[in-house]
């Protein structure tokens, strides 16, 4: 999974990635040269599915942790 965030984003800071294998990508970093997501935070799963919104992402991450 890839999690697209900005460094000073209160919605991004609220995401709990504990116990999950997530690659964090800061889109406001000088080294980021990819496409800009329509909104952050955005999680992209390995199959290409994308979800936007801190509450939605945290809910999905909670469900993933509950299945482990």
N, C-alpha and C. Protein backbone atom coordinates (compact mmCIF):
# COMPACT_ATOMS: atom_id res chain seq x y z
N UNK A 1 0.84 -1.17 0.00
CA UNK A 1 0.00 0.00 0.00
C UNK A 1 0.89 1.24 0.00
N UNK A 2 0.39 2.26 -0.65
CA UNK A 2 1.07 3.55 -0.66
C UNK A 2 0.11 4.57 -0.05
N UNK A 3 0.66 5.39 0.83
CA UNK A 3 -0.13 6.43 1.47
C UNK A 3 0.44 7.78 1.06
N UNK A 4 -0.35 8.53 0.31
CA UNK A 4 0.06 9.86 -0.16
C UNK A 4 -0.42 10.89 0.85
N UNK A 5 0.52 11.71 1.34
CA UNK A 5 0.20 12.70 2.35
C UNK A 5 1.01 13.97 2.10
N UNK A 6 0.65 15.03 2.83
CA UNK A 6 1.45 16.25 2.92
C UNK A 6 1.99 16.35 4.34
N UNK A 7 3.11 17.03 4.48
CA UNK A 7 3.77 17.10 5.79
C UNK A 7 2.98 17.86 6.84
N UNK A 8 2.34 18.95 6.50
CA UNK A 8 1.61 19.75 7.48
C UNK A 8 0.11 19.68 7.24
N UNK A 9 -0.39 18.48 7.22
CA UNK A 9 -1.81 18.24 6.94
C UNK A 9 -2.44 17.58 8.17
N UNK A 10 -3.38 18.27 8.85
CA UNK A 10 -3.98 17.68 10.05
C UNK A 10 -4.72 16.37 9.78
N UNK A 11 -5.33 16.24 8.61
CA UNK A 11 -6.03 15.00 8.27
C UNK A 11 -5.02 13.87 8.07
N UNK A 12 -3.87 14.20 7.50
CA UNK A 12 -2.82 13.21 7.26
C UNK A 12 -2.21 12.74 8.57
N UNK A 13 -2.02 13.66 9.49
CA UNK A 13 -1.40 13.34 10.77
C UNK A 13 -2.28 12.42 11.62
N UNK A 14 -3.58 12.39 11.34
CA UNK A 14 -4.50 11.57 12.14
C UNK A 14 -4.52 10.10 11.71
N UNK A 15 -3.83 9.75 10.65
CA UNK A 15 -3.87 8.38 10.14
C UNK A 15 -2.95 7.49 10.96
N UNK A 16 -3.49 6.35 11.38
CA UNK A 16 -2.77 5.38 12.21
C UNK A 16 -2.28 4.24 11.32
N UNK A 17 -0.95 4.17 11.11
CA UNK A 17 -0.38 3.11 10.27
C UNK A 17 0.30 2.02 11.10
N UNK A 18 0.07 2.04 12.41
CA UNK A 18 0.70 1.07 13.30
C UNK A 18 0.41 -0.36 12.84
N UNK A 19 1.45 -1.20 12.82
CA UNK A 19 1.38 -2.63 12.48
C UNK A 19 1.01 -2.90 11.02
N UNK A 20 1.11 -1.90 10.15
CA UNK A 20 0.79 -2.10 8.74
C UNK A 20 2.02 -1.81 7.89
N UNK A 21 2.13 -2.52 6.78
CA UNK A 21 3.22 -2.28 5.83
C UNK A 21 2.72 -1.25 4.82
N UNK A 22 3.10 0.00 5.05
CA UNK A 22 2.63 1.11 4.22
C UNK A 22 3.83 1.96 3.81
N UNK A 23 3.89 2.27 2.53
CA UNK A 23 4.91 3.20 2.03
C UNK A 23 4.30 4.59 2.06
N UNK A 24 4.94 5.50 2.80
CA UNK A 24 4.43 6.87 2.90
C UNK A 24 5.14 7.73 1.86
N UNK A 25 4.35 8.45 1.09
CA UNK A 25 4.87 9.34 0.05
C UNK A 25 4.36 10.74 0.34
N UNK A 26 5.28 11.66 0.58
CA UNK A 26 4.90 13.05 0.82
C UNK A 26 4.89 13.80 -0.51
N UNK A 27 3.71 14.20 -0.95
CA UNK A 27 3.57 14.85 -2.25
C UNK A 27 4.08 16.28 -2.24
N UNK A 28 4.26 16.85 -1.06
CA UNK A 28 4.78 18.22 -0.99
C UNK A 28 6.31 18.24 -0.78
N UNK A 29 6.94 17.09 -0.90
CA UNK A 29 8.39 17.01 -0.79
C UNK A 29 9.05 17.46 -2.09
N UNK A 30 10.20 18.11 -1.99
CA UNK A 30 10.92 18.55 -3.18
C UNK A 30 11.35 17.38 -4.06
N UNK A 31 11.53 16.20 -3.46
CA UNK A 31 11.99 15.04 -4.23
C UNK A 31 10.85 14.28 -4.92
N UNK A 32 9.59 14.63 -4.61
CA UNK A 32 8.46 13.94 -5.24
C UNK A 32 8.25 14.46 -6.65
N UNK A 33 8.25 13.53 -7.62
CA UNK A 33 8.08 13.95 -9.01
C UNK A 33 6.98 13.17 -9.72
N UNK A 34 6.07 12.58 -8.95
CA UNK A 34 4.97 11.82 -9.55
C UNK A 34 3.75 12.69 -9.79
N UNK A 35 2.68 12.03 -10.18
CA UNK A 35 1.41 12.73 -10.38
C UNK A 35 0.85 13.18 -9.04
N UNK A 36 0.21 14.32 -9.04
CA UNK A 36 -0.39 14.82 -7.81
C UNK A 36 -1.77 14.20 -7.63
N UNK A 37 -2.02 13.60 -6.46
CA UNK A 37 -3.35 13.05 -6.21
C UNK A 37 -4.37 14.19 -6.11
N UNK A 38 -5.65 13.89 -6.38
CA UNK A 38 -6.67 14.94 -6.32
C UNK A 38 -6.85 15.52 -4.92
N UNK A 39 -6.52 14.72 -3.92
CA UNK A 39 -6.67 15.14 -2.52
C UNK A 39 -5.78 14.25 -1.67
N UNK A 40 -5.35 14.76 -0.53
CA UNK A 40 -4.61 13.94 0.43
C UNK A 40 -5.32 14.02 1.77
N UNK A 41 -5.27 13.02 2.58
CA UNK A 41 -4.56 11.76 2.39
C UNK A 41 -5.28 10.85 1.39
N UNK A 42 -4.49 10.03 0.72
CA UNK A 42 -5.00 9.07 -0.25
C UNK A 42 -4.20 7.80 -0.08
N UNK A 43 -4.88 6.67 0.02
CA UNK A 43 -4.20 5.38 0.08
C UNK A 43 -4.46 4.66 -1.24
N UNK A 44 -3.39 4.05 -1.76
CA UNK A 44 -3.50 3.27 -2.99
C UNK A 44 -3.07 1.85 -2.68
N UNK A 45 -3.96 0.91 -2.94
CA UNK A 45 -3.68 -0.50 -2.70
C UNK A 45 -2.94 -1.09 -3.90
N UNK A 46 -2.36 -2.26 -3.70
CA UNK A 46 -1.55 -2.89 -4.76
C UNK A 46 -2.35 -3.18 -6.02
N UNK A 47 -3.67 -3.32 -5.92
CA UNK A 47 -4.49 -3.59 -7.11
C UNK A 47 -4.94 -2.30 -7.81
N UNK A 48 -4.49 -1.13 -7.31
CA UNK A 48 -4.81 0.15 -7.95
C UNK A 48 -5.97 0.89 -7.31
N UNK A 49 -6.73 0.22 -6.43
CA UNK A 49 -7.85 0.88 -5.76
C UNK A 49 -7.33 2.03 -4.91
N UNK A 50 -8.02 3.17 -4.97
CA UNK A 50 -7.63 4.34 -4.20
C UNK A 50 -8.78 4.80 -3.32
N UNK A 51 -8.45 5.16 -2.08
CA UNK A 51 -9.43 5.72 -1.16
C UNK A 51 -8.92 7.05 -0.64
N UNK A 52 -9.81 8.01 -0.54
CA UNK A 52 -9.46 9.35 -0.08
C UNK A 52 -10.17 9.64 1.23
N UNK A 53 -9.47 10.33 2.13
CA UNK A 53 -10.10 10.79 3.37
C UNK A 53 -9.55 10.08 4.59
N UNK A 54 -9.15 10.85 5.58
CA UNK A 54 -8.56 10.30 6.79
C UNK A 54 -9.44 9.31 7.52
N UNK A 55 -10.72 9.64 7.72
CA UNK A 55 -11.62 8.75 8.44
C UNK A 55 -11.83 7.44 7.70
N UNK A 56 -11.98 7.52 6.38
CA UNK A 56 -12.16 6.32 5.57
C UNK A 56 -10.93 5.45 5.62
N UNK A 57 -9.77 6.06 5.48
CA UNK A 57 -8.51 5.31 5.50
C UNK A 57 -8.30 4.66 6.86
N UNK A 58 -8.54 5.39 7.94
CA UNK A 58 -8.39 4.80 9.28
C UNK A 58 -9.36 3.63 9.50
N UNK A 59 -10.58 3.74 8.99
CA UNK A 59 -11.55 2.65 9.13
C UNK A 59 -11.05 1.39 8.41
N UNK A 60 -10.55 1.56 7.20
CA UNK A 60 -10.02 0.42 6.44
C UNK A 60 -8.80 -0.17 7.13
N UNK A 61 -7.89 0.69 7.61
CA UNK A 61 -6.69 0.22 8.30
C UNK A 61 -7.07 -0.53 9.58
N UNK A 62 -8.10 -0.06 10.30
CA UNK A 62 -8.56 -0.77 11.50
C UNK A 62 -9.07 -2.17 11.14
N UNK A 63 -9.81 -2.27 10.05
CA UNK A 63 -10.34 -3.57 9.61
C UNK A 63 -9.20 -4.51 9.21
N UNK A 64 -8.19 -3.99 8.56
CA UNK A 64 -7.03 -4.82 8.19
C UNK A 64 -6.33 -5.32 9.43
N UNK A 65 -6.12 -4.45 10.42
CA UNK A 65 -5.46 -4.88 11.66
C UNK A 65 -6.30 -5.92 12.40
N UNK A 66 -7.62 -5.78 12.38
CA UNK A 66 -8.50 -6.74 13.06
C UNK A 66 -8.45 -8.12 12.43
N UNK A 67 -8.10 -8.20 11.15
CA UNK A 67 -8.03 -9.49 10.45
C UNK A 67 -6.73 -10.24 10.68
N UNK A 68 -5.74 -9.55 11.24
CA UNK A 68 -4.43 -10.18 11.46
C UNK A 68 -4.44 -11.00 12.72
